[in-house]
C-alpha cells in the first residue's frame, strides 16, 4: 500500500500500491505522475519553495516557503491523491495531520 502522510510543512510518500506487478501498476504510476508533476510545477515557480529527497523506499517533501502558488499546488496534489484513494482505497491511503 502507498502511504501518504501530510502535515503543514512535510509530506512523506512510501510503499507500493501492489495493484499489479512492478512496472505495470497503474496506481503507482498515477501517484507518481501526480507527485512528480506537482514537484516540478512548484520548482519551476520557485526553486527554493520546497526541497525533496527520494530514496528507494520513500519520497519526502519539505515546504520551505509558504506562498499562494506553492500552497495551491500542494493542495491540488493532495486532492488528486485523495481522489485516487477513493477509487483504489486498498492500494493508497492519504493521512492528513489536522
N, C-alpha and C. Protein backbone atom coordinates (compact mmCIF):
# COMPACT_ATOMS: atom_id res chain seq x y z
N UNK A 1 0.84 -1.18 0.00
CA UNK A 1 0.00 0.00 0.00
C UNK A 1 0.88 1.24 0.00
N UNK A 2 0.48 2.24 -0.78
CA UNK A 2 1.15 3.54 -0.75
C UNK A 2 0.58 4.31 0.44
N UNK A 3 1.48 4.86 1.24
CA UNK A 3 1.08 5.70 2.38
C UNK A 3 1.53 7.12 2.08
N UNK A 4 0.60 8.06 2.22
CA UNK A 4 0.89 9.47 2.05
C UNK A 4 0.58 10.15 3.37
N UNK A 5 1.60 10.68 4.03
CA UNK A 5 1.42 11.38 5.29
C UNK A 5 1.68 12.86 5.04
N UNK A 6 0.65 13.66 5.33
CA UNK A 6 0.69 15.09 5.02
C UNK A 6 0.57 15.89 6.30
N UNK A 7 1.54 16.79 6.50
CA UNK A 7 1.42 17.79 7.56
C UNK A 7 1.63 19.16 6.90
N UNK A 8 1.56 20.20 7.67
CA UNK A 8 1.61 21.54 7.09
C UNK A 8 2.88 21.79 6.27
N UNK A 9 4.02 21.32 6.75
CA UNK A 9 5.27 21.62 6.07
C UNK A 9 6.04 20.40 5.58
N UNK A 10 5.41 19.21 5.68
CA UNK A 10 6.12 17.99 5.28
C UNK A 10 5.14 16.98 4.70
N UNK A 11 5.58 16.31 3.64
CA UNK A 11 4.80 15.24 3.02
C UNK A 11 5.74 14.06 2.83
N UNK A 12 5.29 12.89 3.25
CA UNK A 12 6.08 11.67 3.07
C UNK A 12 5.22 10.66 2.31
N UNK A 13 5.80 10.10 1.26
CA UNK A 13 5.12 9.09 0.45
C UNK A 13 5.99 7.85 0.44
N UNK A 14 5.39 6.72 0.81
CA UNK A 14 6.17 5.48 0.87
C UNK A 14 5.31 4.30 0.46
N UNK A 15 5.97 3.21 0.17
CA UNK A 15 5.25 1.97 -0.12
C UNK A 15 5.02 1.74 -1.61
N UNK A 16 4.33 0.66 -1.88
CA UNK A 16 3.96 0.28 -3.25
C UNK A 16 2.50 -0.13 -3.23
N UNK A 17 1.78 0.27 -4.26
CA UNK A 17 0.33 0.05 -4.30
C UNK A 17 -0.05 -1.43 -4.32
N UNK A 18 0.78 -2.27 -4.93
CA UNK A 18 0.50 -3.70 -5.06
C UNK A 18 -0.79 -3.97 -5.85
N UNK A 19 -1.14 -3.06 -6.73
CA UNK A 19 -2.30 -3.28 -7.60
C UNK A 19 -1.95 -4.28 -8.69
N UNK A 20 -0.70 -4.22 -9.17
CA UNK A 20 -0.23 -5.11 -10.22
C UNK A 20 1.28 -5.27 -10.05
N UNK A 21 1.90 -6.03 -10.94
CA UNK A 21 3.34 -6.22 -10.89
C UNK A 21 4.07 -4.90 -11.02
N UNK A 22 5.28 -4.85 -10.43
CA UNK A 22 6.12 -3.67 -10.54
C UNK A 22 6.33 -3.34 -12.01
N UNK A 23 6.14 -2.08 -12.37
CA UNK A 23 6.27 -1.65 -13.76
C UNK A 23 4.96 -1.69 -14.53
N UNK A 24 3.93 -2.33 -13.96
CA UNK A 24 2.62 -2.42 -14.61
C UNK A 24 1.52 -1.87 -13.71
N UNK A 25 1.90 -1.29 -12.60
CA UNK A 25 0.95 -0.88 -11.56
C UNK A 25 0.39 0.51 -11.87
N UNK A 26 -0.87 0.57 -12.27
CA UNK A 26 -1.47 1.85 -12.66
C UNK A 26 -1.67 2.79 -11.47
N UNK A 27 -1.83 2.25 -10.27
CA UNK A 27 -1.99 3.10 -9.10
C UNK A 27 -0.67 3.78 -8.76
N UNK A 28 0.42 3.02 -8.78
CA UNK A 28 1.74 3.61 -8.56
C UNK A 28 2.06 4.64 -9.65
N UNK A 29 1.74 4.31 -10.88
CA UNK A 29 2.01 5.23 -11.98
C UNK A 29 1.23 6.53 -11.81
N UNK A 30 -0.04 6.42 -11.42
CA UNK A 30 -0.86 7.62 -11.22
C UNK A 30 -0.33 8.46 -10.07
N UNK A 31 -0.02 7.82 -8.95
CA UNK A 31 0.50 8.55 -7.79
C UNK A 31 1.83 9.21 -8.14
N UNK A 32 2.70 8.50 -8.81
CA UNK A 32 4.00 9.06 -9.21
C UNK A 32 3.81 10.27 -10.12
N UNK A 33 2.92 10.15 -11.09
CA UNK A 33 2.68 11.25 -12.02
C UNK A 33 2.15 12.49 -11.29
N UNK A 34 1.22 12.28 -10.38
CA UNK A 34 0.65 13.40 -9.62
C UNK A 34 1.75 14.11 -8.82
N UNK A 35 2.55 13.33 -8.12
CA UNK A 35 3.56 13.91 -7.22
C UNK A 35 4.69 14.57 -8.00
N UNK A 36 5.22 13.90 -9.02
CA UNK A 36 6.34 14.46 -9.79
C UNK A 36 5.91 15.71 -10.54
N UNK A 37 4.71 15.71 -11.11
CA UNK A 37 4.21 16.90 -11.80
C UNK A 37 4.06 18.06 -10.82
N UNK A 38 3.58 17.78 -9.62
CA UNK A 38 3.42 18.83 -8.61
C UNK A 38 4.77 19.39 -8.17
N UNK A 39 5.73 18.52 -7.91
CA UNK A 39 7.07 18.97 -7.53
C UNK A 39 7.68 19.83 -8.63
N UNK A 40 7.61 19.35 -9.86
CA UNK A 40 8.18 20.10 -10.98
C UNK A 40 7.51 21.46 -11.15
N UNK A 41 6.20 21.52 -10.99
CA UNK A 41 5.48 22.79 -11.10
C UNK A 41 5.91 23.79 -10.04
N UNK A 42 6.02 23.31 -8.81
CA UNK A 42 6.45 24.19 -7.72
C UNK A 42 7.87 24.69 -7.96
N UNK A 43 8.77 23.81 -8.34
CA UNK A 43 10.16 24.20 -8.56
C UNK A 43 10.33 25.14 -9.74
N UNK A 44 9.48 25.03 -10.74
CA UNK A 44 9.54 25.97 -11.87
C UNK A 44 9.13 27.38 -11.44
N UNK A 45 8.21 27.45 -10.49
CA UNK A 45 7.78 28.76 -9.99
C UNK A 45 8.78 29.35 -9.01
N UNK A 46 9.37 28.51 -8.17
CA UNK A 46 10.31 28.99 -7.15
C UNK A 46 11.18 27.82 -6.71
N UNK A 47 12.43 27.83 -7.14
CA UNK A 47 13.35 26.73 -6.84
C UNK A 47 13.59 26.54 -5.35
N UNK A 48 13.32 27.57 -4.55
CA UNK A 48 13.59 27.50 -3.12
C UNK A 48 12.33 27.30 -2.28
N UNK A 49 11.20 27.01 -2.93
CA UNK A 49 9.93 26.86 -2.20
C UNK A 49 9.85 25.52 -1.47
N UNK A 50 10.47 24.49 -2.06
CA UNK A 50 10.44 23.15 -1.45
C UNK A 50 11.80 22.50 -1.60
N UNK A 51 12.02 21.50 -0.78
CA UNK A 51 13.13 20.58 -1.02
C UNK A 51 12.53 19.18 -0.98
N UNK A 52 13.18 18.26 -1.66
CA UNK A 52 12.67 16.89 -1.64
C UNK A 52 13.83 15.92 -1.64
N UNK A 53 13.54 14.75 -1.11
CA UNK A 53 14.54 13.68 -1.06
C UNK A 53 13.87 12.39 -1.50
N UNK A 54 14.47 11.75 -2.46
CA UNK A 54 13.95 10.49 -2.99
C UNK A 54 14.94 9.38 -2.65
N UNK A 55 14.44 8.37 -1.97
CA UNK A 55 15.24 7.18 -1.69
C UNK A 55 14.54 6.00 -2.35
N UNK A 56 15.09 4.83 -2.18
CA UNK A 56 14.48 3.63 -2.75
C UNK A 56 13.09 3.39 -2.16
N UNK A 57 12.92 3.74 -0.89
CA UNK A 57 11.68 3.40 -0.17
C UNK A 57 10.69 4.53 0.01
N UNK A 58 11.14 5.80 -0.16
CA UNK A 58 10.19 6.89 0.07
C UNK A 58 10.62 8.17 -0.59
N UNK A 59 9.65 9.07 -0.69
CA UNK A 59 9.86 10.42 -1.15
C UNK A 59 9.38 11.34 -0.05
N UNK A 60 10.23 12.29 0.34
CA UNK A 60 9.78 13.25 1.33
C UNK A 60 9.94 14.65 0.75
N UNK A 61 8.96 15.48 1.04
CA UNK A 61 8.92 16.86 0.55
C UNK A 61 8.82 17.77 1.76
N UNK A 62 9.70 18.75 1.81
CA UNK A 62 9.64 19.77 2.86
C UNK A 62 9.27 21.09 2.22
N UNK A 63 8.24 21.75 2.76
CA UNK A 63 7.82 23.06 2.28
C UNK A 63 8.67 24.09 3.01
N UNK A 64 9.48 24.82 2.24
CA UNK A 64 10.40 25.80 2.81
C UNK A 64 9.83 27.21 2.80
N UNK A 65 8.99 27.49 1.79
CA UNK A 65 8.36 28.80 1.66
C UNK A 65 6.87 28.59 1.44
N UNK A 66 6.09 29.24 2.26
CA UNK A 66 4.64 29.19 2.04
C UNK A 66 4.24 30.43 1.27
N UNK A 67 3.70 30.20 0.10
CA UNK A 67 3.14 31.29 -0.69
C UNK A 67 1.91 30.75 -1.42
N UNK A 68 1.18 31.61 -2.04
CA UNK A 68 -0.08 31.22 -2.67
C UNK A 68 0.10 30.08 -3.67
N UNK A 69 1.07 30.22 -4.56
CA UNK A 69 1.26 29.24 -5.62
C UNK A 69 1.67 27.87 -5.07
N UNK A 70 2.63 27.88 -4.15
CA UNK A 70 3.07 26.61 -3.56
C UNK A 70 1.92 25.94 -2.81
N UNK A 71 1.22 26.73 -2.01
CA UNK A 71 0.09 26.17 -1.25
C UNK A 71 -0.96 25.58 -2.18
N UNK A 72 -1.28 26.27 -3.27
CA UNK A 72 -2.28 25.76 -4.21
C UNK A 72 -1.82 24.46 -4.88
N UNK A 73 -0.56 24.39 -5.27
CA UNK A 73 -0.07 23.18 -5.92
C UNK A 73 0.00 22.01 -4.96
N UNK A 74 0.37 22.26 -3.71
CA UNK A 74 0.37 21.19 -2.70
C UNK A 74 -1.06 20.74 -2.44
N UNK A 75 -1.97 21.69 -2.27
CA UNK A 75 -3.38 21.37 -2.05
C UNK A 75 -3.94 20.55 -3.21
N UNK A 76 -3.61 20.93 -4.42
CA UNK A 76 -4.06 20.19 -5.60
C UNK A 76 -3.49 18.78 -5.62
N UNK A 77 -2.20 18.64 -5.30
CA UNK A 77 -1.57 17.33 -5.27
C UNK A 77 -2.28 16.42 -4.26
N UNK A 78 -2.50 16.92 -3.05
CA UNK A 78 -3.16 16.12 -2.02
C UNK A 78 -4.58 15.77 -2.44
N UNK A 79 -5.27 16.71 -3.04
CA UNK A 79 -6.63 16.46 -3.51
C UNK A 79 -6.66 15.36 -4.57
N UNK A 80 -5.74 15.39 -5.50
CA UNK A 80 -5.67 14.35 -6.53
C UNK A 80 -5.33 12.99 -5.93
N UNK A 81 -4.42 12.96 -4.96
CA UNK A 81 -4.09 11.70 -4.30
C UNK A 81 -5.29 11.17 -3.52
N UNK A 82 -6.09 12.05 -2.93
CA UNK A 82 -7.31 11.62 -2.23
C UNK A 82 -8.33 11.06 -3.22
N UNK A 83 -8.42 11.67 -4.40
CA UNK A 83 -9.31 11.13 -5.43
C UNK A 83 -8.87 9.73 -5.84
N UNK A 84 -7.56 9.54 -5.96
CA UNK A 84 -7.03 8.22 -6.28
C UNK A 84 -7.37 7.23 -5.16
N UNK A 85 -7.28 7.68 -3.91
CA UNK A 85 -7.62 6.84 -2.76
C UNK A 85 -9.09 6.42 -2.81
N UNK A 86 -9.97 7.32 -3.24
CA UNK A 86 -11.39 6.97 -3.34
C UNK A 86 -11.62 5.80 -4.30
N UNK A 87 -10.85 5.77 -5.36
CA UNK A 87 -11.01 4.71 -6.36
C UNK A 87 -10.24 3.44 -6.01
N UNK A 88 -9.12 3.61 -5.31
CA UNK A 88 -8.23 2.47 -5.04
C UNK A 88 -7.85 2.46 -3.56
N UNK A 89 -8.83 2.44 -2.69
CA UNK A 89 -8.62 2.52 -1.25
C UNK A 89 -7.82 1.38 -0.66
N UNK A 90 -7.76 0.25 -1.35
CA UNK A 90 -6.95 -0.87 -0.87
C UNK A 90 -5.48 -0.70 -1.23
N UNK A 91 -5.18 0.30 -2.06
CA UNK A 91 -3.83 0.45 -2.59
C UNK A 91 -3.13 1.74 -2.19
N UNK A 92 -3.89 2.74 -1.74
CA UNK A 92 -3.30 4.02 -1.36
C UNK A 92 -4.09 4.61 -0.19
N UNK A 93 -3.37 5.14 0.78
CA UNK A 93 -4.00 5.77 1.95
C UNK A 93 -3.36 7.12 2.17
N UNK A 94 -4.19 8.16 2.26
CA UNK A 94 -3.73 9.53 2.49
C UNK A 94 -4.12 9.92 3.91
N UNK A 95 -3.13 10.26 4.71
CA UNK A 95 -3.35 10.68 6.10
C UNK A 95 -2.95 12.15 6.20
N UNK A 96 -3.89 12.98 6.61
CA UNK A 96 -3.60 14.40 6.80
C UNK A 96 -3.60 14.74 8.28
N UNK A 97 -2.55 15.42 8.70
CA UNK A 97 -2.46 15.92 10.06
C UNK A 97 -3.30 17.19 10.13
N UNK A 98 -4.18 17.24 11.09
CA UNK A 98 -5.09 18.40 11.19
C UNK A 98 -4.56 19.39 12.19
